[in-house]
Amino acid sequence: MREDCKDMGKRIKYLRGLLDFTGKDLAEATGVSASFLSEVENQNKSLAAVRLNRVAKLFGVPMEYLLVGEIQVGHIRTDMMRVIEARIKEAESR
């Protein structure tokens, strides 16, 4: 797995938890098995671009966020991204 993508699985798992998706739900929505998704979240495997794009759309985040953990200035933020950011801030303040 490429070095800049090494935390992709962690970000997927984190967002999945924030948005109350089960592993089974996300696996079905992206067309992979629950065991494969677990391997992705544990950073043993990676998703193909088409499946990663499905995850990004489902979560309402840019694909680059899943890949590198950053969003470049100039991207349009979705309502879902605002919700995610609010939940992250709330979790950090606990």
Protein backbone atom coordinates (compact mmCIF):
# COMPACT_ATOMS: atom_id res chain seq x y z
CA MET A 1 0.00 0.00 0.00
CA ARG A 2 1.31 3.45 -0.85
CA GLU A 3 2.70 5.44 2.06
CA ASP A 4 0.35 8.41 1.54
CA CYS A 5 -2.67 6.07 1.66
CA LYS A 6 -1.65 4.05 4.69
CA ASP A 7 -4.29 5.53 6.99
CA MET A 8 -7.16 5.27 4.51
CA GLY A 9 -8.65 2.31 6.37
CA LYS A 10 -8.49 4.16 9.67
CA ARG A 11 -10.31 7.13 8.16
CA ILE A 12 -13.00 4.90 6.66
CA LYS A 13 -13.52 3.12 9.98
CA TYR A 14 -13.61 6.42 11.86
CA LEU A 15 -16.18 7.99 9.52
CA ARG A 16 -18.22 4.80 9.48
CA GLY A 17 -18.45 4.98 13.26
CA LEU A 18 -19.29 8.68 13.26
CA LEU A 19 -22.10 8.13 10.80
CA ASP A 20 -23.42 4.99 12.52
CA PHE A 21 -22.80 2.59 9.63
CA THR A 22 -22.17 -1.05 10.42
CA GLY A 23 -19.37 -2.81 8.61
CA LYS A 24 -21.97 -4.98 6.90
CA ASP A 25 -23.95 -1.94 5.72
CA LEU A 26 -20.89 -0.24 4.26
CA ALA A 27 -19.65 -3.46 2.67
CA GLU A 28 -22.99 -3.99 0.95
CA ALA A 29 -23.15 -0.38 -0.23
CA THR A 30 -19.68 -0.58 -1.75
CA GLY A 31 -19.95 -4.07 -3.21
CA VAL A 32 -17.32 -5.82 -1.11
CA SER A 33 -17.59 -8.49 1.56
CA ALA A 34 -17.64 -7.52 5.23
CA SER A 35 -14.40 -9.47 5.73
CA PHE A 36 -12.71 -7.56 2.89
CA LEU A 37 -13.87 -4.25 4.37
CA SER A 38 -12.42 -5.33 7.71
CA GLU A 39 -9.09 -5.98 5.97
CA VAL A 40 -9.25 -2.48 4.46
CA GLU A 41 -10.04 -0.87 7.82
CA ASN A 42 -7.15 -2.77 9.41
CA GLN A 43 -4.87 -1.52 6.64
CA ASN A 44 -4.12 -4.93 5.18
CA LYS A 45 -5.84 -4.27 1.85
CA SER A 46 -6.96 -1.24 -0.13
CA LEU A 47 -10.08 -0.43 -2.10
CA ALA A 48 -10.13 -0.03 -5.86
CA ALA A 49 -10.75 3.56 -6.95
CA VAL A 50 -14.33 2.88 -8.03
CA ARG A 51 -15.19 1.43 -4.62
CA LEU A 52 -13.33 4.17 -2.77
CA ASN A 53 -15.33 6.70 -4.76
CA ARG A 54 -18.54 4.98 -3.59
CA VAL A 55 -17.41 5.29 0.02
CA ALA A 56 -16.57 8.97 -0.44
CA LYS A 57 -19.96 9.70 -2.01
CA LEU A 58 -21.78 7.73 0.66
CA PHE A 59 -20.00 9.64 3.43
CA GLY A 60 -20.22 12.96 1.59
CA VAL A 61 -16.48 13.60 1.62
CA PRO A 62 -13.98 14.15 -1.18
CA MET A 63 -12.09 11.01 -2.15
CA GLU A 64 -8.81 12.80 -1.46
CA TYR A 65 -9.79 13.02 2.22
CA LEU A 66 -10.01 9.23 2.41
CA LEU A 67 -6.68 8.88 0.59
CA VAL A 68 -4.54 11.51 2.30
CA GLY A 69 -6.60 12.90 5.17
CA GLU A 70 -6.64 16.43 3.83
CA ILE A 71 -8.95 18.52 1.74
CA GLN A 72 -7.30 21.07 -0.49
CA VAL A 73 -8.58 24.63 -0.40
CA GLY A 74 -11.05 25.25 -3.18
CA HIS A 75 -13.12 22.09 -2.82
CA ILE A 76 -16.79 22.62 -2.22
CA ARG A 77 -17.77 21.37 1.19
CA THR A 78 -20.90 19.30 1.42
CA ASP A 79 -23.42 19.40 4.22
CA MET A 80 -22.23 15.95 5.27
CA MET A 81 -18.66 17.22 5.61
CA ARG A 82 -19.89 19.94 7.95
CA VAL A 83 -21.68 17.31 10.03
CA ILE A 84 -18.54 15.20 10.17
CA GLU A 85 -16.39 18.16 11.19
CA ALA A 86 -18.87 19.07 13.93
CA ARG A 87 -18.83 15.50 15.26
CA ILE A 88 -15.04 15.44 15.23
CA LYS A 89 -14.88 18.70 17.19
CA GLU A 90 -17.49 17.39 19.63
CA ALA A 91 -15.54 14.16 20.16
CA GLU A 92 -12.27 16.05 20.65
CA SER A 93 -13.83 18.31 23.29
CA ARG A 94 -14.80 15.33 25.50
